[in-house]
Amino acid sequence: MPSQDNHIQIDIEALGVGRDCVVVSVGAVKFNLNTGDILDERYWELDMHEQQTKLKRTIDAHTITWWSNQTADTLKALQSNKR
């Protein structure tokens, strides 16, 4: 039986705030809320070029400006992504 103490948190990195924006990556972690133990982790990088060409997803200029003001460590999520 699953524990009610186990939770999943999802992090989505995107190049916009609309529902049609390009999604760079999705991360998920399953953890125990009481103990802080991490039970499972997953990370997916999505193909940004394919999202733009095949799915007609968009990139927001304001979001690009926000990303450009982030630290080098934060930008690694974008730099390692498939183009």
Protein backbone atom coordinates (compact mmCIF):
# COMPACT_ATOMS: atom_id res chain seq x y z
CA MET A 1 0.00 0.00 0.00
CA PRO A 2 1.42 3.44 -0.91
CA SER A 3 2.30 5.70 1.98
CA GLN A 4 0.36 8.95 2.34
CA ASP A 5 3.68 10.48 3.35
CA ASN A 6 5.08 9.94 -0.16
CA HIS A 7 4.72 12.87 -2.53
CA ILE A 8 5.84 13.77 -6.06
CA GLN A 9 7.11 17.20 -7.07
CA ILE A 10 7.40 18.17 -10.73
CA ASP A 11 9.55 20.95 -12.18
CA ILE A 12 8.94 22.17 -15.74
CA GLU A 13 11.44 24.47 -17.43
CA ALA A 14 9.95 26.33 -20.37
CA LEU A 15 10.59 29.21 -22.73
CA GLY A 16 7.32 30.96 -21.98
CA VAL A 17 4.37 30.95 -19.64
CA GLY A 18 1.60 30.06 -22.08
CA ARG A 19 0.31 26.58 -22.66
CA ASP A 20 1.74 26.57 -26.18
CA CYS A 21 5.33 27.44 -25.19
CA VAL A 22 8.42 25.30 -25.80
CA VAL A 23 9.20 23.01 -22.85
CA VAL A 24 12.93 22.54 -22.27
CA SER A 25 12.87 19.89 -19.57
CA VAL A 26 10.73 18.12 -17.00
CA GLY A 27 12.04 16.83 -13.70
CA ALA A 28 10.20 14.80 -11.09
CA VAL A 29 11.14 13.58 -7.65
CA LYS A 30 9.25 11.18 -5.39
CA PHE A 31 10.01 11.81 -1.73
CA ASN A 32 8.80 11.09 1.77
CA LEU A 33 7.43 14.31 3.24
CA ASN A 34 8.20 13.32 6.85
CA THR A 35 11.72 11.96 6.45
CA GLY A 36 12.88 13.93 3.42
CA ASP A 37 14.11 10.70 1.83
CA ILE A 38 14.23 10.80 -1.98
CA LEU A 39 12.63 7.63 -3.29
CA ASP A 40 12.96 8.17 -7.04
CA GLU A 41 14.12 10.86 -9.48
CA ARG A 42 13.43 11.34 -13.19
CA TYR A 43 14.57 13.92 -15.72
CA TRP A 44 13.59 14.38 -19.36
CA GLU A 45 14.96 16.83 -21.93
CA LEU A 46 12.60 17.60 -24.78
CA ASP A 47 13.58 18.45 -28.33
CA MET A 48 13.06 22.21 -28.63
CA HIS A 49 13.49 22.29 -32.41
CA GLU A 50 10.87 19.60 -32.95
CA GLN A 51 8.43 21.43 -30.67
CA GLN A 52 8.79 24.58 -32.77
CA THR A 53 8.67 22.97 -36.20
CA LYS A 54 6.20 20.13 -35.75
CA LEU A 55 4.07 21.32 -32.85
CA LYS A 56 4.28 25.07 -33.57
CA ARG A 57 5.15 25.82 -29.95
CA THR A 58 6.36 29.34 -29.18
CA ILE A 59 9.25 31.07 -27.42
CA ASP A 60 8.51 34.20 -25.40
CA ALA A 61 11.05 37.06 -25.59
CA HIS A 62 10.41 38.08 -21.96
CA THR A 63 11.21 34.56 -20.79
CA ILE A 64 14.44 34.53 -22.81
CA THR A 65 15.40 37.81 -21.12
CA TRP A 66 14.66 36.25 -17.72
CA TRP A 67 16.78 33.18 -18.55
CA SER A 68 19.65 35.42 -19.71
CA ASN A 69 19.79 37.01 -16.24
CA GLN A 70 20.22 33.66 -14.45
CA THR A 71 23.43 32.17 -13.09
CA ALA A 72 25.67 29.92 -15.16
CA ASP A 73 24.55 26.88 -13.13
CA THR A 74 20.91 27.63 -13.87
CA LEU A 75 21.61 28.01 -17.59
CA LYS A 76 23.01 24.46 -17.79
CA ALA A 77 19.45 23.20 -18.19
CA LEU A 78 19.14 25.09 -21.45
CA GLN A 79 22.67 24.56 -22.76
CA SER A 80 22.57 20.77 -22.56
CA ASN A 81 19.21 20.51 -24.32
CA LYS A 82 18.78 19.12 -27.83
CA ARG A 83 18.50 21.91 -30.36
